[in-house]
């Protein structure tokens, strides 16, 4: 929670996407995205997950509680959902097109970037101007907001989904990370790793 939790909680609160009845999109369903879905649902918003991978739909809806799921490469789905979201938390760290996401926003909608791609993203000004849409970024929060997030998570039973590993598994974990073979996050269990046998 001290990473993915505050990184997604903070923009939901700061940009006013924490109000019941709003429709929030979460782009990407990895370490940040799955926690963003949990927080947005706990705030009482309707949540749509946007992903490149249809294989994540069942988990997004059945396990995490998302209301809808869009495959970003499915133009029919994306067009049908145009203008439906009050805000989007974009957690993707790979280079990806922003225009399809901007199109999902209602007028005055907010696209908040929390993922950090290694190359610049392309942005088309016209749909931003005509819809008075906003694009912004957000990092982690301060100590007070982090405590607020921890309290909120405790009150709503929100925990990140992680795979606990022993310290001697780190090299294998790094290989799995390179192959995108991790579900959300690895956490090294130092206490159990250091116990004498």
N, C-alpha and C. Protein backbone atom coordinates (compact mmCIF):
# COMPACT_ATOMS: atom_id res chain seq x y z
N UNK A 1 0.81 -1.21 0.00
CA UNK A 1 0.00 0.00 0.00
C UNK A 1 0.85 1.27 0.00
N UNK A 2 2.06 1.19 0.53
CA UNK A 2 2.89 2.38 0.61
C UNK A 2 3.45 2.80 -0.74
N UNK A 3 3.25 2.00 -1.76
CA UNK A 3 3.64 2.37 -3.12
C UNK A 3 2.38 2.46 -3.99
N UNK A 4 1.87 1.33 -4.42
CA UNK A 4 0.71 1.30 -5.30
C UNK A 4 -0.52 1.94 -4.65
N UNK A 5 -0.66 1.74 -3.35
CA UNK A 5 -1.83 2.28 -2.65
C UNK A 5 -1.89 3.80 -2.70
N UNK A 6 -0.84 4.45 -2.22
CA UNK A 6 -0.86 5.91 -2.18
C UNK A 6 -0.75 6.51 -3.58
N UNK A 7 -0.08 5.83 -4.49
CA UNK A 7 0.06 6.33 -5.86
C UNK A 7 -1.29 6.40 -6.57
N UNK A 8 -2.23 5.55 -6.22
CA UNK A 8 -3.55 5.58 -6.85
C UNK A 8 -4.60 6.27 -5.98
N UNK A 9 -4.49 6.14 -4.68
CA UNK A 9 -5.43 6.80 -3.76
C UNK A 9 -5.33 8.32 -3.89
N UNK A 10 -4.10 8.84 -3.90
CA UNK A 10 -3.87 10.28 -3.93
C UNK A 10 -4.55 10.98 -5.10
N UNK A 11 -4.38 10.53 -6.35
CA UNK A 11 -5.06 11.23 -7.45
C UNK A 11 -6.58 11.06 -7.43
N UNK A 12 -7.06 9.93 -6.96
CA UNK A 12 -8.51 9.77 -6.85
C UNK A 12 -9.08 10.85 -5.94
N UNK A 13 -8.43 11.10 -4.81
CA UNK A 13 -8.88 12.11 -3.86
C UNK A 13 -8.62 13.53 -4.39
N UNK A 14 -7.39 13.80 -4.81
CA UNK A 14 -6.99 15.15 -5.20
C UNK A 14 -7.83 15.68 -6.37
N UNK A 15 -8.11 14.82 -7.34
CA UNK A 15 -8.84 15.26 -8.52
C UNK A 15 -10.35 15.05 -8.40
N UNK A 16 -10.83 14.74 -7.21
CA UNK A 16 -12.27 14.64 -6.97
C UNK A 16 -12.93 13.43 -7.59
N UNK A 17 -12.17 12.38 -7.82
CA UNK A 17 -12.73 11.17 -8.42
C UNK A 17 -13.12 10.15 -7.35
N UNK A 18 -13.39 10.65 -6.16
CA UNK A 18 -13.73 9.81 -5.02
C UNK A 18 -15.19 9.98 -4.58
N UNK A 19 -16.02 10.49 -5.47
CA UNK A 19 -17.42 10.76 -5.13
C UNK A 19 -18.33 9.64 -5.63
N UNK A 20 -19.19 9.12 -4.76
CA UNK A 20 -20.13 8.08 -5.20
C UNK A 20 -20.92 8.54 -6.43
N UNK A 21 -21.11 7.63 -7.35
CA UNK A 21 -21.87 7.92 -8.56
C UNK A 21 -21.03 8.34 -9.75
N UNK A 22 -19.79 8.77 -9.52
CA UNK A 22 -18.92 9.09 -10.65
C UNK A 22 -18.53 7.81 -11.37
N UNK A 23 -18.11 7.97 -12.63
CA UNK A 23 -17.66 6.82 -13.43
C UNK A 23 -16.17 7.01 -13.69
N UNK A 24 -15.37 6.11 -13.12
CA UNK A 24 -13.91 6.20 -13.18
C UNK A 24 -13.35 5.06 -14.03
N UNK A 25 -12.42 5.40 -14.90
CA UNK A 25 -11.71 4.40 -15.68
C UNK A 25 -10.35 4.13 -15.06
N UNK A 26 -9.92 2.89 -15.11
CA UNK A 26 -8.57 2.51 -14.67
C UNK A 26 -7.90 1.83 -15.86
N UNK A 27 -6.82 2.42 -16.35
CA UNK A 27 -6.10 1.87 -17.49
C UNK A 27 -4.93 1.06 -16.97
N UNK A 28 -4.92 -0.22 -17.32
CA UNK A 28 -3.88 -1.13 -16.86
C UNK A 28 -4.31 -1.84 -15.59
N UNK A 29 -4.08 -3.13 -15.55
CA UNK A 29 -4.50 -3.92 -14.39
C UNK A 29 -3.31 -4.67 -13.82
N UNK A 30 -2.28 -3.90 -13.50
CA UNK A 30 -1.08 -4.49 -12.89
C UNK A 30 -1.00 -4.10 -11.43
N UNK A 31 0.23 -3.88 -10.95
CA UNK A 31 0.46 -3.56 -9.56
C UNK A 31 -0.26 -2.31 -9.09
N UNK A 32 -0.31 -1.27 -9.90
CA UNK A 32 -1.03 -0.05 -9.55
C UNK A 32 -2.52 -0.17 -9.86
N UNK A 33 -2.83 -0.68 -11.05
CA UNK A 33 -4.21 -0.71 -11.51
C UNK A 33 -5.15 -1.50 -10.63
N UNK A 34 -4.71 -2.66 -10.16
CA UNK A 34 -5.63 -3.48 -9.36
C UNK A 34 -5.97 -2.79 -8.04
N UNK A 35 -5.03 -2.03 -7.48
CA UNK A 35 -5.31 -1.30 -6.25
C UNK A 35 -6.21 -0.09 -6.55
N UNK A 36 -6.01 0.55 -7.69
CA UNK A 36 -6.86 1.68 -8.08
C UNK A 36 -8.32 1.23 -8.20
N UNK A 37 -8.54 0.05 -8.76
CA UNK A 37 -9.91 -0.48 -8.87
C UNK A 37 -10.51 -0.65 -7.48
N UNK A 38 -9.75 -1.22 -6.57
CA UNK A 38 -10.26 -1.45 -5.21
C UNK A 38 -10.62 -0.14 -4.51
N UNK A 39 -9.74 0.86 -4.61
CA UNK A 39 -10.04 2.15 -3.98
C UNK A 39 -11.24 2.83 -4.63
N UNK A 40 -11.27 2.86 -5.96
CA UNK A 40 -12.38 3.53 -6.65
C UNK A 40 -13.72 2.89 -6.29
N UNK A 41 -13.76 1.56 -6.21
CA UNK A 41 -14.99 0.87 -5.82
C UNK A 41 -15.37 1.22 -4.38
N UNK A 42 -14.38 1.27 -3.49
CA UNK A 42 -14.65 1.60 -2.09
C UNK A 42 -15.18 3.03 -1.94
N UNK A 43 -14.79 3.92 -2.85
CA UNK A 43 -15.32 5.29 -2.84
C UNK A 43 -16.76 5.35 -3.35
N UNK A 44 -17.24 4.26 -3.93
CA UNK A 44 -18.62 4.23 -4.43
C UNK A 44 -18.76 4.62 -5.88
N UNK A 45 -17.67 4.61 -6.63
CA UNK A 45 -17.75 4.96 -8.05
C UNK A 45 -18.03 3.73 -8.90
N UNK A 46 -18.52 3.98 -10.08
CA UNK A 46 -18.62 2.94 -11.10
C UNK A 46 -17.24 2.85 -11.74
N UNK A 47 -16.73 1.64 -11.94
CA UNK A 47 -15.36 1.48 -12.43
C UNK A 47 -15.34 0.69 -13.73
N UNK A 48 -14.65 1.24 -14.72
CA UNK A 48 -14.39 0.55 -15.97
C UNK A 48 -12.88 0.35 -16.10
N UNK A 49 -12.48 -0.90 -16.29
CA UNK A 49 -11.07 -1.20 -16.52
C UNK A 49 -10.81 -1.20 -18.02
N UNK A 50 -9.74 -0.56 -18.44
CA UNK A 50 -9.31 -0.54 -19.84
C UNK A 50 -7.97 -1.26 -19.91
N UNK A 51 -7.91 -2.31 -20.73
CA UNK A 51 -6.70 -3.13 -20.82
C UNK A 51 -6.47 -3.57 -22.26
N UNK A 52 -5.24 -3.93 -22.55
CA UNK A 52 -4.94 -4.50 -23.87
C UNK A 52 -5.27 -5.99 -23.89
N UNK A 53 -5.50 -6.56 -22.72
CA UNK A 53 -5.63 -8.01 -22.60
C UNK A 53 -7.02 -8.45 -22.15
N UNK A 54 -7.76 -9.09 -23.06
CA UNK A 54 -9.08 -9.62 -22.73
C UNK A 54 -9.00 -10.65 -21.61
N UNK A 55 -7.86 -11.31 -21.48
CA UNK A 55 -7.70 -12.36 -20.46
C UNK A 55 -7.83 -11.81 -19.04
N UNK A 56 -7.76 -10.51 -18.86
CA UNK A 56 -7.88 -9.92 -17.52
C UNK A 56 -9.32 -9.54 -17.15
N UNK A 57 -10.25 -9.73 -18.08
CA UNK A 57 -11.63 -9.30 -17.84
C UNK A 57 -12.27 -10.01 -16.65
N UNK A 58 -12.16 -11.32 -16.61
CA UNK A 58 -12.80 -12.08 -15.53
C UNK A 58 -12.29 -11.63 -14.16
N UNK A 59 -10.99 -11.50 -14.04
CA UNK A 59 -10.41 -11.07 -12.77
C UNK A 59 -10.86 -9.65 -12.41
N UNK A 60 -10.86 -8.75 -13.39
CA UNK A 60 -11.25 -7.36 -13.14
C UNK A 60 -12.67 -7.27 -12.59
N UNK A 61 -13.57 -8.03 -13.19
CA UNK A 61 -14.97 -7.93 -12.80
C UNK A 61 -15.30 -8.82 -11.60
N UNK A 62 -14.92 -10.09 -11.66
CA UNK A 62 -15.32 -11.03 -10.62
C UNK A 62 -14.51 -10.90 -9.33
N UNK A 63 -13.22 -10.67 -9.43
CA UNK A 63 -12.39 -10.61 -8.23
C UNK A 63 -12.25 -9.20 -7.68
N UNK A 64 -12.00 -8.24 -8.56
CA UNK A 64 -11.73 -6.88 -8.11
C UNK A 64 -12.98 -6.01 -8.03
N UNK A 65 -14.07 -6.43 -8.67
CA UNK A 65 -15.33 -5.71 -8.56
C UNK A 65 -15.57 -4.63 -9.60
N UNK A 66 -14.77 -4.59 -10.66
CA UNK A 66 -15.01 -3.60 -11.72
C UNK A 66 -16.39 -3.83 -12.32
N UNK A 67 -17.00 -2.75 -12.77
CA UNK A 67 -18.34 -2.83 -13.36
C UNK A 67 -18.30 -3.15 -14.84
N UNK A 68 -17.27 -2.65 -15.52
CA UNK A 68 -17.16 -2.85 -16.96
C UNK A 68 -15.69 -3.07 -17.33
N UNK A 69 -15.49 -3.62 -18.52
CA UNK A 69 -14.14 -3.91 -19.00
C UNK A 69 -14.09 -3.60 -20.48
N UNK A 70 -13.08 -2.84 -20.88
CA UNK A 70 -12.89 -2.51 -22.29
C UNK A 70 -11.52 -3.01 -22.75
N UNK A 71 -11.49 -3.61 -23.93
CA UNK A 71 -10.22 -3.97 -24.56
C UNK A 71 -9.84 -2.78 -25.43
N UNK A 72 -8.72 -2.16 -25.13
CA UNK A 72 -8.35 -0.90 -25.78
C UNK A 72 -8.18 -1.02 -27.29
N UNK A 73 -7.88 -2.21 -27.80
CA UNK A 73 -7.71 -2.39 -29.24
C UNK A 73 -9.03 -2.68 -29.95
N UNK A 74 -10.11 -2.84 -29.22
CA UNK A 74 -11.43 -3.11 -29.80
C UNK A 74 -12.12 -1.77 -30.07
N UNK A 75 -12.02 -1.31 -31.32
CA UNK A 75 -12.54 0.02 -31.66
C UNK A 75 -14.03 0.16 -31.42
N UNK A 76 -14.79 -0.91 -31.65
CA UNK A 76 -16.24 -0.84 -31.40
C UNK A 76 -16.53 -0.60 -29.92
N UNK A 77 -15.86 -1.35 -29.06
CA UNK A 77 -16.05 -1.16 -27.61
C UNK A 77 -15.66 0.25 -27.20
N UNK A 78 -14.53 0.71 -27.67
CA UNK A 78 -14.03 2.03 -27.28
C UNK A 78 -14.96 3.14 -27.78
N UNK A 79 -15.46 3.00 -29.01
CA UNK A 79 -16.39 4.01 -29.54
C UNK A 79 -17.71 4.00 -28.77
N UNK A 80 -18.18 2.81 -28.41
CA UNK A 80 -19.44 2.71 -27.66
C UNK A 80 -19.32 3.36 -26.28
N UNK A 81 -18.12 3.36 -25.73
CA UNK A 81 -17.90 3.93 -24.39
C UNK A 81 -17.46 5.39 -24.43
N UNK A 82 -17.36 5.98 -25.61
CA UNK A 82 -16.90 7.37 -25.74
C UNK A 82 -17.78 8.31 -24.91
N UNK A 83 -17.13 9.22 -24.21
CA UNK A 83 -17.84 10.24 -23.45
C UNK A 83 -18.54 9.74 -22.20
N UNK A 84 -18.11 8.61 -21.64
CA UNK A 84 -18.81 8.04 -20.49
C UNK A 84 -18.07 8.18 -19.15
N UNK A 85 -16.79 8.52 -19.18
CA UNK A 85 -16.00 8.52 -17.95
C UNK A 85 -15.77 9.93 -17.41
N UNK A 86 -15.94 10.08 -16.10
CA UNK A 86 -15.65 11.36 -15.45
C UNK A 86 -14.15 11.56 -15.29
N UNK A 87 -13.44 10.47 -15.12
CA UNK A 87 -11.99 10.54 -14.95
C UNK A 87 -11.35 9.20 -15.21
N UNK A 88 -10.06 9.25 -15.49
CA UNK A 88 -9.29 8.03 -15.76
C UNK A 88 -7.98 8.10 -14.98
N UNK A 89 -7.65 7.00 -14.31
CA UNK A 89 -6.33 6.83 -13.71
C UNK A 89 -5.57 5.90 -14.65
N UNK A 90 -4.56 6.43 -15.32
CA UNK A 90 -3.77 5.67 -16.29
C UNK A 90 -2.49 5.19 -15.62
N UNK A 91 -2.43 3.88 -15.36
CA UNK A 91 -1.30 3.29 -14.63
C UNK A 91 -0.24 2.67 -15.53
N UNK A 92 -0.42 2.77 -16.83
CA UNK A 92 0.44 2.05 -17.78
C UNK A 92 1.80 2.74 -17.92
N UNK A 93 2.86 1.95 -17.81
CA UNK A 93 4.22 2.48 -17.95
C UNK A 93 4.82 2.23 -19.33
N UNK A 94 4.10 1.57 -20.20
CA UNK A 94 4.55 1.36 -21.58
C UNK A 94 4.02 2.51 -22.44
N UNK A 95 4.69 2.77 -23.55
CA UNK A 95 4.21 3.78 -24.49
C UNK A 95 2.87 3.30 -25.05
N UNK A 96 1.87 4.17 -25.02
CA UNK A 96 0.53 3.83 -25.49
C UNK A 96 -0.18 5.09 -25.97
N UNK A 97 -1.16 4.94 -26.86
CA UNK A 97 -1.85 6.12 -27.38
C UNK A 97 -2.80 6.72 -26.34
N UNK A 98 -2.78 8.04 -26.22
CA UNK A 98 -3.67 8.73 -25.28
C UNK A 98 -5.00 9.11 -25.91
N UNK A 99 -5.03 9.32 -27.22
CA UNK A 99 -6.26 9.78 -27.87
C UNK A 99 -7.46 8.87 -27.58
N UNK A 100 -7.34 7.55 -27.68
CA UNK A 100 -8.50 6.71 -27.36
C UNK A 100 -8.97 6.89 -25.91
N UNK A 101 -8.05 7.18 -25.01
CA UNK A 101 -8.44 7.39 -23.61
C UNK A 101 -9.14 8.73 -23.44
N UNK A 102 -8.60 9.76 -24.05
CA UNK A 102 -9.22 11.09 -23.99
C UNK A 102 -10.64 11.02 -24.53
N UNK A 103 -10.85 10.24 -25.58
CA UNK A 103 -12.17 10.11 -26.18
C UNK A 103 -13.18 9.48 -25.22
N UNK A 104 -12.71 8.67 -24.28
CA UNK A 104 -13.61 8.05 -23.30
C UNK A 104 -14.14 9.05 -22.28
N UNK A 105 -13.46 10.19 -22.14
CA UNK A 105 -13.84 11.17 -21.12
C UNK A 105 -15.08 11.97 -21.50
N UNK A 106 -15.89 12.28 -20.49
CA UNK A 106 -16.98 13.23 -20.65
C UNK A 106 -16.37 14.62 -20.81
N UNK A 107 -17.15 15.60 -21.25
CA UNK A 107 -16.65 16.98 -21.19
C UNK A 107 -16.23 17.30 -19.74
N UNK A 108 -15.15 18.00 -19.59
CA UNK A 108 -14.55 18.35 -18.29
C UNK A 108 -13.92 17.15 -17.59
N UNK A 109 -13.79 16.03 -18.30
CA UNK A 109 -13.18 14.84 -17.71
C UNK A 109 -11.69 15.01 -17.49
N UNK A 110 -11.15 14.15 -16.64
CA UNK A 110 -9.75 14.25 -16.23
C UNK A 110 -9.01 12.96 -16.52
N UNK A 111 -7.89 13.07 -17.23
CA UNK A 111 -7.01 11.94 -17.48
C UNK A 111 -5.77 12.14 -16.61
N UNK A 112 -5.58 11.25 -15.64
CA UNK A 112 -4.49 11.37 -14.69
C UNK A 112 -3.46 10.28 -14.95
N UNK A 113 -2.24 10.68 -15.26
CA UNK A 113 -1.17 9.73 -15.54
C UNK A 113 -0.39 9.44 -14.25
N UNK A 114 -0.27 8.15 -13.92
CA UNK A 114 0.58 7.75 -12.80
C UNK A 114 1.66 6.77 -13.25
N UNK A 115 1.47 6.16 -14.41
CA UNK A 115 2.50 5.31 -15.01
C UNK A 115 3.53 6.20 -15.69
N UNK A 116 4.76 5.72 -15.80
CA UNK A 116 5.85 6.54 -16.36
C UNK A 116 6.49 5.82 -17.54
N UNK A 117 5.97 6.03 -18.76
CA UNK A 117 6.61 5.44 -19.94
C UNK A 117 8.00 6.02 -20.16
N UNK A 118 8.88 5.23 -20.74
CA UNK A 118 10.25 5.70 -20.94
C UNK A 118 10.39 6.65 -22.13
N UNK A 119 9.38 6.71 -23.00
CA UNK A 119 9.40 7.64 -24.12
C UNK A 119 8.18 8.55 -24.02
N UNK A 120 8.24 9.75 -24.63
CA UNK A 120 7.11 10.68 -24.57
C UNK A 120 5.85 10.10 -25.21
N UNK A 121 4.71 10.48 -24.65
CA UNK A 121 3.42 10.07 -25.20
C UNK A 121 2.89 11.18 -26.10
N UNK A 122 2.18 10.79 -27.16
CA UNK A 122 1.63 11.76 -28.11
C UNK A 122 0.25 12.20 -27.63
N UNK A 123 0.01 13.51 -27.68
CA UNK A 123 -1.26 14.06 -27.23
C UNK A 123 -1.85 14.95 -28.32
N UNK A 124 -3.09 14.70 -28.67
CA UNK A 124 -3.80 15.52 -29.64
C UNK A 124 -4.57 16.60 -28.88
N UNK A 125 -4.36 17.85 -29.24
CA UNK A 125 -4.95 18.97 -28.51
C UNK A 125 -6.44 19.14 -28.76
N UNK A 126 -6.92 18.87 -29.97
CA UNK A 126 -8.30 19.19 -30.32
C UNK A 126 -9.34 18.59 -29.36
N UNK A 127 -9.30 17.28 -29.08
CA UNK A 127 -10.32 16.74 -28.18
C UNK A 127 -10.18 17.27 -26.74
N UNK A 128 -8.99 17.69 -26.37
CA UNK A 128 -8.80 18.28 -25.05
C UNK A 128 -9.48 19.65 -25.00
N UNK A 129 -9.27 20.42 -26.06
CA UNK A 129 -9.82 21.77 -26.12
C UNK A 129 -11.34 21.74 -26.21
N UNK A 130 -11.86 20.94 -27.14
CA UNK A 130 -13.31 20.94 -27.39
C UNK A 130 -14.11 20.37 -26.21
N UNK A 131 -13.53 19.50 -25.45
CA UNK A 131 -14.26 18.93 -24.32
C UNK A 131 -13.86 19.53 -22.98
N UNK A 132 -13.00 20.56 -23.03
CA UNK A 132 -12.47 21.14 -21.80
C UNK A 132 -11.97 20.05 -20.86
N UNK A 133 -11.30 19.09 -21.46
CA UNK A 133 -10.75 17.97 -20.70
C UNK A 133 -9.39 18.36 -20.14
N UNK A 134 -9.00 17.68 -19.09
CA UNK A 134 -7.74 17.96 -18.41
C UNK A 134 -6.86 16.73 -18.41
N UNK A 135 -5.58 16.93 -18.62
CA UNK A 135 -4.62 15.85 -18.45
C UNK A 135 -3.63 16.30 -17.39
N UNK A 136 -3.33 15.40 -16.48
CA UNK A 136 -2.43 15.74 -15.39
C UNK A 136 -1.65 14.51 -14.97
N UNK A 137 -0.76 14.69 -14.05
CA UNK A 137 0.01 13.58 -13.51
C UNK A 137 -0.04 13.61 -12.00
N UNK A 138 0.34 12.50 -11.40
CA UNK A 138 0.34 12.43 -9.94
C UNK A 138 1.39 11.42 -9.49
N UNK A 139 2.14 11.80 -8.48
CA UNK A 139 3.10 10.88 -7.87
C UNK A 139 2.51 10.36 -6.58
N UNK A 140 3.35 10.08 -5.63
CA UNK A 140 2.85 9.58 -4.36
C UNK A 140 2.39 10.74 -3.48
N UNK A 141 1.75 10.45 -2.37
CA UNK A 141 1.27 11.48 -1.46
C UNK A 141 2.21 11.69 -0.29
N UNK A 142 1.88 12.66 0.54
CA UNK A 142 2.67 12.96 1.73
C UNK A 142 2.30 12.05 2.89
N UNK A 143 2.90 12.32 4.04
CA UNK A 143 2.69 11.47 5.22
C UNK A 143 1.24 11.49 5.70
N UNK A 144 0.65 12.68 5.76
CA UNK A 144 -0.74 12.79 6.25
C UNK A 144 -1.69 12.02 5.33
N UNK A 145 -1.52 12.21 4.03
CA UNK A 145 -2.40 11.53 3.08
C UNK A 145 -2.13 10.02 3.08
N UNK A 146 -0.90 9.62 3.29
CA UNK A 146 -0.57 8.20 3.35
C UNK A 146 -1.25 7.56 4.56
N UNK A 147 -1.25 8.25 5.70
CA UNK A 147 -1.95 7.72 6.88
C UNK A 147 -3.45 7.63 6.62
N UNK A 148 -4.00 8.66 5.96
CA UNK A 148 -5.42 8.65 5.59
C UNK A 148 -5.72 7.44 4.71
N UNK A 149 -4.84 7.17 3.74
CA UNK A 149 -5.02 6.03 2.83
C UNK A 149 -4.97 4.71 3.60
N UNK A 150 -4.02 4.58 4.52
CA UNK A 150 -3.91 3.35 5.31
C UNK A 150 -5.18 3.14 6.14
N UNK A 151 -5.67 4.21 6.76
CA UNK A 151 -6.90 4.11 7.55
C UNK A 151 -8.09 3.72 6.67
N UNK A 152 -8.18 4.35 5.50
CA UNK A 152 -9.27 4.04 4.57
C UNK A 152 -9.18 2.58 4.12
N UNK A 153 -7.98 2.14 3.79
CA UNK A 153 -7.78 0.75 3.37
C UNK A 153 -8.17 -0.22 4.48
N UNK A 154 -7.79 0.09 5.71
CA UNK A 154 -8.14 -0.77 6.85
C UNK A 154 -9.65 -0.82 7.04
N UNK A 155 -10.30 0.33 6.94
CA UNK A 155 -11.76 0.40 7.12
C UNK A 155 -12.53 -0.31 6.02
N UNK A 156 -11.92 -0.45 4.84
CA UNK A 156 -12.59 -1.08 3.70
C UNK A 156 -11.96 -2.42 3.32
N UNK A 157 -11.08 -2.91 4.18
CA UNK A 157 -10.44 -4.21 3.97
C UNK A 157 -9.74 -4.29 2.60
N UNK A 158 -9.02 -3.25 2.25
CA UNK A 158 -8.31 -3.20 0.97
C UNK A 158 -6.85 -3.58 1.19
N UNK A 159 -6.44 -4.62 0.50
CA UNK A 159 -5.05 -5.07 0.51
C UNK A 159 -4.59 -5.27 -0.92
N UNK A 160 -3.33 -4.99 -1.21
CA UNK A 160 -2.84 -5.31 -2.55
C UNK A 160 -2.67 -6.82 -2.69
N UNK A 161 -2.84 -7.32 -3.88
CA UNK A 161 -2.60 -8.73 -4.16
C UNK A 161 -1.12 -8.87 -4.48
N UNK A 162 -0.43 -9.72 -3.74
CA UNK A 162 1.01 -9.87 -3.92
C UNK A 162 1.39 -11.34 -3.91
N UNK A 163 2.57 -11.63 -4.44
CA UNK A 163 3.16 -12.96 -4.36
C UNK A 163 4.36 -12.86 -3.43
N UNK A 164 4.26 -13.51 -2.28
CA UNK A 164 5.35 -13.52 -1.30
C UNK A 164 6.44 -14.48 -1.77
N UNK A 165 7.69 -14.00 -1.71
CA UNK A 165 8.81 -14.85 -2.13
C UNK A 165 9.93 -14.79 -1.10
N UNK A 166 10.72 -15.87 -0.98
CA UNK A 166 11.89 -15.82 -0.10
C UNK A 166 13.03 -15.07 -0.81
N UNK A 167 13.97 -14.61 -0.04
CA UNK A 167 15.09 -13.82 -0.58
C UNK A 167 15.87 -14.59 -1.64
N UNK A 168 15.99 -15.91 -1.48
CA UNK A 168 16.78 -16.68 -2.45
C UNK A 168 16.05 -16.90 -3.77
N UNK A 169 14.84 -16.37 -3.89
CA UNK A 169 14.07 -16.47 -5.13
C UNK A 169 14.19 -15.19 -5.97
N UNK A 170 14.96 -14.22 -5.49
CA UNK A 170 15.03 -12.91 -6.15
C UNK A 170 15.47 -13.00 -7.61
N UNK A 171 16.49 -13.78 -7.91
CA UNK A 171 16.97 -13.88 -9.30
C UNK A 171 15.90 -14.46 -10.21
N UNK A 172 15.19 -15.47 -9.73
CA UNK A 172 14.08 -16.04 -10.51
C UNK A 172 12.98 -15.01 -10.68
N UNK A 173 12.69 -14.27 -9.62
CA UNK A 173 11.66 -13.23 -9.69
C UNK A 173 12.02 -12.17 -10.73
N UNK A 174 13.30 -11.80 -10.80
CA UNK A 174 13.73 -10.80 -11.78
C UNK A 174 13.54 -11.32 -13.20
N UNK A 175 13.82 -12.60 -13.42
CA UNK A 175 13.58 -13.20 -14.74
C UNK A 175 12.10 -13.21 -15.06
N UNK A 176 11.28 -13.54 -14.07
CA UNK A 176 9.84 -13.54 -14.29
C UNK A 176 9.33 -12.13 -14.59
N UNK A 177 9.87 -11.13 -13.90
CA UNK A 177 9.49 -9.74 -14.19
C UNK A 177 9.82 -9.38 -15.63
N UNK A 178 11.00 -9.76 -16.08
CA UNK A 178 11.43 -9.46 -17.45
C UNK A 178 10.51 -10.12 -18.48
N UNK A 179 9.91 -11.24 -18.10
CA UNK A 179 9.00 -11.97 -19.00
C UNK A 179 7.53 -11.64 -18.73
N UNK A 180 7.27 -10.61 -17.94
CA UNK A 180 5.90 -10.23 -17.56
C UNK A 180 5.14 -11.40 -16.95
N UNK A 181 5.82 -12.18 -16.16
CA UNK A 181 5.23 -13.35 -15.52
C UNK A 181 5.05 -13.12 -14.03
N UNK A 182 4.41 -12.02 -13.69
CA UNK A 182 4.10 -11.74 -12.30
C UNK A 182 2.70 -11.15 -12.25
N UNK A 183 1.94 -11.56 -11.28
CA UNK A 183 0.61 -11.02 -11.11
C UNK A 183 0.68 -9.94 -10.05
N UNK A 184 0.66 -8.70 -10.46
CA UNK A 184 0.67 -7.53 -9.61
C UNK A 184 2.05 -7.24 -9.01
N UNK A 185 2.42 -7.86 -7.88
CA UNK A 185 3.67 -7.49 -7.21
C UNK A 185 4.33 -8.71 -6.56
N UNK A 186 5.66 -8.69 -6.54
CA UNK A 186 6.42 -9.60 -5.69
C UNK A 186 6.73 -8.86 -4.39
N UNK A 187 6.69 -9.56 -3.28
CA UNK A 187 7.12 -9.02 -1.99
C UNK A 187 8.09 -10.02 -1.38
N UNK A 188 9.27 -9.54 -1.03
CA UNK A 188 10.28 -10.41 -0.42
C UNK A 188 9.99 -10.55 1.07
N UNK A 189 9.81 -11.77 1.51
CA UNK A 189 9.55 -12.07 2.92
C UNK A 189 10.90 -12.19 3.63
N UNK A 190 11.41 -11.06 4.09
CA UNK A 190 12.72 -11.02 4.74
C UNK A 190 12.72 -11.81 6.05
N UNK A 191 11.69 -11.64 6.86
CA UNK A 191 11.66 -12.29 8.18
C UNK A 191 11.80 -13.80 8.06
N UNK A 192 11.05 -14.41 7.18
CA UNK A 192 11.12 -15.87 7.02
C UNK A 192 12.39 -16.29 6.28
N UNK A 193 12.90 -15.42 5.43
CA UNK A 193 14.11 -15.75 4.67
C UNK A 193 15.34 -15.81 5.57
N UNK A 194 15.35 -15.03 6.63
CA UNK A 194 16.53 -14.93 7.49
C UNK A 194 16.49 -15.85 8.70
N UNK A 195 15.39 -16.57 8.91
CA UNK A 195 15.30 -17.49 10.04
C UNK A 195 16.30 -18.62 9.88
N UNK A 196 16.93 -18.99 10.98
CA UNK A 196 17.88 -20.11 10.96
C UNK A 196 17.13 -21.41 10.75
N UNK A 197 17.74 -22.26 9.96
CA UNK A 197 17.08 -23.55 9.69
C UNK A 197 17.48 -24.58 10.72
